[in-house]
Amino acid sequence: MHDAVVKALARWHHTLQEQVRLAITSAELTPEADPETIAFQLNALAMAANQAIQLFDDRRAPQMARRAMLATLGPVCSEAHGV
Protein backbone atom coordinates (compact mmCIF):
# COMPACT_ATOMS: atom_id res chain seq x y z
CA MET A 1 0.00 0.00 0.00
CA HIS A 2 2.79 2.39 0.93
CA ASP A 3 4.45 2.04 -2.46
CA ALA A 4 1.18 2.66 -4.30
CA VAL A 5 0.55 5.85 -2.33
CA VAL A 6 4.10 7.05 -2.94
CA LYS A 7 3.76 6.36 -6.67
CA ALA A 8 0.40 8.18 -6.90
CA LEU A 9 1.69 11.22 -5.00
CA ALA A 10 4.83 11.34 -7.12
CA ARG A 11 2.67 11.37 -10.27
CA TRP A 12 0.54 14.15 -8.76
CA HIS A 13 3.59 16.28 -7.93
CA HIS A 14 4.97 15.68 -11.42
CA THR A 15 1.63 16.71 -12.95
CA LEU A 16 1.54 19.93 -10.91
CA GLN A 17 5.10 20.77 -11.93
CA GLU A 18 4.32 20.10 -15.59
CA GLN A 19 1.28 22.36 -15.41
CA VAL A 20 3.41 25.16 -13.96
CA ARG A 21 5.95 24.66 -16.75
CA LEU A 22 3.13 24.81 -19.30
CA ALA A 23 1.85 28.03 -17.73
CA ILE A 24 5.34 29.52 -18.00
CA THR A 25 5.65 28.44 -21.64
CA SER A 26 2.26 29.95 -22.47
CA ALA A 27 3.18 33.18 -20.63
CA GLU A 28 0.49 32.76 -17.98
CA LEU A 29 3.24 32.69 -15.36
CA THR A 30 6.50 34.60 -15.46
CA PRO A 31 9.80 32.83 -16.15
CA GLU A 32 10.75 33.42 -12.50
CA ALA A 33 8.12 30.89 -11.39
CA ASP A 34 9.75 27.82 -9.85
CA PRO A 35 7.68 24.76 -10.84
CA GLU A 36 8.96 22.59 -7.99
CA THR A 37 8.24 25.19 -5.30
CA ILE A 38 4.85 26.20 -6.68
CA ALA A 39 3.77 22.56 -6.99
CA PHE A 40 4.86 21.94 -3.40
CA GLN A 41 2.97 25.00 -2.15
CA LEU A 42 -0.25 24.25 -4.03
CA ASN A 43 -0.20 20.64 -2.85
CA ALA A 44 0.42 21.74 0.74
CA LEU A 45 -2.53 24.13 0.60
CA ALA A 46 -4.79 21.46 -0.88
CA MET A 47 -3.76 19.02 1.84
CA ALA A 48 -4.39 21.62 4.55
CA ALA A 49 -7.85 22.29 3.13
CA ASN A 50 -8.60 18.58 3.03
CA GLN A 51 -7.55 18.15 6.66
CA ALA A 52 -9.68 21.09 7.75
CA ILE A 53 -12.69 19.71 5.91
CA GLN A 54 -12.27 16.08 6.94
CA LEU A 55 -11.20 16.57 10.56
CA PHE A 56 -12.94 19.78 11.57
CA ASP A 57 -15.83 20.05 9.10
CA ASP A 58 -14.50 23.52 8.29
CA ARG A 59 -16.70 24.81 5.50
CA ARG A 60 -14.45 27.87 5.07
CA ALA A 61 -11.44 25.75 4.13
CA PRO A 62 -12.02 25.63 0.36
CA GLN A 63 -12.30 29.41 0.11
CA MET A 64 -9.30 29.95 2.38
CA ALA A 65 -7.26 27.51 0.30
CA ARG A 66 -8.34 29.27 -2.89
CA ARG A 67 -7.25 32.65 -1.52
CA ALA A 68 -3.93 31.18 -0.38
CA MET A 69 -3.36 29.58 -3.79
CA LEU A 70 -4.09 32.87 -5.53
CA ALA A 71 -1.65 34.60 -3.17
CA THR A 72 0.95 31.96 -4.03
CA LEU A 73 0.48 32.45 -7.76
CA GLY A 74 -0.01 36.22 -7.71
CA PRO A 75 3.66 37.22 -7.62
CA VAL A 76 4.48 35.03 -10.64
CA CYS A 77 1.37 35.68 -12.73
CA SER A 78 2.04 37.54 -15.94
CA GLU A 79 0.33 40.90 -16.22
CA ALA A 80 -1.92 39.63 -19.01
CA HIS A 81 -3.17 36.79 -16.75
CA GLY A 82 -3.20 38.49 -13.35
CA VAL A 83 -5.16 36.96 -10.51
C-alpha atoms as a PDB file:
ATOM      1  CA  MET A   1       0.000   0.000   0.000  1.00  0.00           C
ATOM      2  CA  HIS A   2       2.794   2.394   0.932  1.00  0.00           C
ATOM      3  CA  ASP A   3       4.452   2.042  -2.464  1.00  0.00           C
ATOM      4  CA  ALA A   4       1.183   2.657  -4.304  1.00  0.00           C
ATOM      5  CA  VAL A   5       0.546   5.853  -2.333  1.00  0.00           C
ATOM      6  CA  VAL A   6       4.104   7.054  -2.945  1.00  0.00           C
ATOM      7  CA  LYS A   7       3.756   6.362  -6.668  1.00  0.00           C
ATOM      8  CA  ALA A   8       0.405   8.177  -6.896  1.00  0.00           C
ATOM      9  CA  LEU A   9       1.685  11.218  -5.001  1.00  0.00           C
ATOM     10  CA  ALA A  10       4.835  11.340  -7.123  1.00  0.00           C
ATOM     11  CA  ARG A  11       2.669  11.371 -10.270  1.00  0.00           C
ATOM     12  CA  TRP A  12       0.539  14.154  -8.761  1.00  0.00           C
ATOM     13  CA  HIS A  13       3.594  16.284  -7.933  1.00  0.00           C
ATOM     14  CA  HIS A  14       4.973  15.679 -11.422  1.00  0.00           C
ATOM     15  CA  THR A  15       1.629  16.714 -12.952  1.00  0.00           C
ATOM     16  CA  LEU A  16       1.538  19.926 -10.906  1.00  0.00           C
ATOM     17  CA  GLN A  17       5.097  20.771 -11.925  1.00  0.00           C
ATOM     18  CA  GLU A  18       4.325  20.105 -15.586  1.00  0.00           C
ATOM     19  CA  GLN A  19       1.285  22.365 -15.410  1.00  0.00           C
ATOM     20  CA  VAL A  20       3.412  25.163 -13.963  1.00  0.00           C
ATOM     21  CA  ARG A  21       5.945  24.657 -16.750  1.00  0.00           C
ATOM     22  CA  LEU A  22       3.132  24.812 -19.303  1.00  0.00           C
ATOM     23  CA  ALA A  23       1.846  28.026 -17.727  1.00  0.00           C
ATOM     24  CA  ILE A  24       5.340  29.517 -18.002  1.00  0.00           C
ATOM     25  CA  THR A  25       5.648  28.436 -21.644  1.00  0.00           C
ATOM     26  CA  SER A  26       2.259  29.949 -22.470  1.00  0.00           C
ATOM     27  CA  ALA A  27       3.182  33.181 -20.629  1.00  0.00           C
ATOM     28  CA  GLU A  28       0.491  32.763 -17.977  1.00  0.00           C
ATOM     29  CA  LEU A  29       3.238  32.689 -15.357  1.00  0.00           C
ATOM     30  CA  THR A  30       6.500  34.597 -15.465  1.00  0.00           C
ATOM     31  CA  PRO A  31       9.801  32.829 -16.147  1.00  0.00           C
ATOM     32  CA  GLU A  32      10.751  33.418 -12.498  1.00  0.00           C
ATOM     33  CA  ALA A  33       8.123  30.889 -11.387  1.00  0.00           C
ATOM     34  CA  ASP A  34       9.750  27.815  -9.853  1.00  0.00           C
ATOM     35  CA  PRO A  35       7.684  24.756 -10.836  1.00  0.00           C
ATOM     36  CA  GLU A  36       8.957  22.589  -7.991  1.00  0.00           C
ATOM     37  CA  THR A  37       8.242  25.187  -5.302  1.00  0.00           C
ATOM     38  CA  ILE A  38       4.854  26.198  -6.676  1.00  0.00           C
ATOM     39  CA  ALA A  39       3.768  22.562  -6.994  1.00  0.00           C
ATOM     40  CA  PHE A  40       4.856  21.939  -3.400  1.00  0.00           C
ATOM     41  CA  GLN A  41       2.974  25.001  -2.146  1.00  0.00           C
ATOM     42  CA  LEU A  42      -0.245  24.247  -4.034  1.00  0.00           C
ATOM     43  CA  ASN A  43      -0.200  20.643  -2.851  1.00  0.00           C
ATOM     44  CA  ALA A  44       0.417  21.735   0.744  1.00  0.00           C
ATOM     45  CA  LEU A  45      -2.528  24.126   0.604  1.00  0.00           C
ATOM     46  CA  ALA A  46      -4.792  21.461  -0.876  1.00  0.00           C
ATOM     47  CA  MET A  47      -3.758  19.016   1.844  1.00  0.00           C
ATOM     48  CA  ALA A  48      -4.388  21.618   4.545  1.00  0.00           C
ATOM     49  CA  ALA A  49      -7.846  22.288   3.135  1.00  0.00           C
ATOM     50  CA  ASN A  50      -8.596  18.575   3.033  1.00  0.00           C
ATOM     51  CA  GLN A  51      -7.552  18.150   6.664  1.00  0.00           C
ATOM     52  CA  ALA A  52      -9.685  21.095   7.751  1.00  0.00           C
ATOM     53  CA  ILE A  53     -12.691  19.708   5.906  1.00  0.00           C
ATOM     54  CA  GLN A  54     -12.271  16.084   6.945  1.00  0.00           C
ATOM     55  CA  LEU A  55     -11.197  16.568  10.563  1.00  0.00           C
ATOM     56  CA  PHE A  56     -12.939  19.784  11.570  1.00  0.00           C
ATOM     57  CA  ASP A  57     -15.826  20.055   9.099  1.00  0.00           C
ATOM     58  CA  ASP A  58     -14.495  23.525   8.286  1.00  0.00           C
ATOM     59  CA  ARG A  59     -16.702  24.811   5.497  1.00  0.00           C
ATOM     60  CA  ARG A  60     -14.451  27.869   5.073  1.00  0.00           C
ATOM     61  CA  ALA A  61     -11.442  25.746   4.131  1.00  0.00           C
ATOM     62  CA  PRO A  62     -12.023  25.628   0.356  1.00  0.00           C
ATOM     63  CA  GLN A  63     -12.295  29.413   0.106  1.00  0.00           C
ATOM     64  CA  MET A  64      -9.301  29.947   2.383  1.00  0.00           C
ATOM     65  CA  ALA A  65      -7.258  27.513   0.299  1.00  0.00           C
ATOM     66  CA  ARG A  66      -8.337  29.271  -2.891  1.00  0.00           C
ATOM     67  CA  ARG A  67      -7.251  32.652  -1.515  1.00  0.00           C
ATOM     68  CA  ALA A  68      -3.934  31.182  -0.377  1.00  0.00           C
ATOM     69  CA  MET A  69      -3.365  29.578  -3.789  1.00  0.00           C
ATOM     70  CA  LEU A  70      -4.092  32.866  -5.531  1.00  0.00           C
ATOM     71  CA  ALA A  71      -1.652  34.596  -3.174  1.00  0.00           C
ATOM     72  CA  THR A  72       0.955  31.959  -4.028  1.00  0.00           C
ATOM     73  CA  LEU A  73       0.476  32.447  -7.764  1.00  0.00           C
ATOM     74  CA  GLY A  74      -0.013  36.219  -7.709  1.00  0.00           C
ATOM     75  CA  PRO A  75       3.662  37.219  -7.617  1.00  0.00           C
ATOM     76  CA  VAL A  76       4.483  35.028 -10.639  1.00  0.00           C
ATOM     77  CA  CYS A  77       1.366  35.682 -12.733  1.00  0.00           C
ATOM     78  CA  SER A  78       2.037  37.536 -15.936  1.00  0.00           C
ATOM     79  CA  GLU A  79       0.334  40.902 -16.221  1.00  0.00           C
ATOM     80  CA  ALA A  80      -1.917  39.629 -19.006  1.00  0.00           C
ATOM     81  CA  HIS A  81      -3.166  36.791 -16.754  1.00  0.00           C
ATOM     82  CA  GLY A  82      -3.202  38.494 -13.353  1.00  0.00           C
ATOM     83  CA  VAL A  83      -5.155  36.963 -10.511  1.00  0.00           C
END
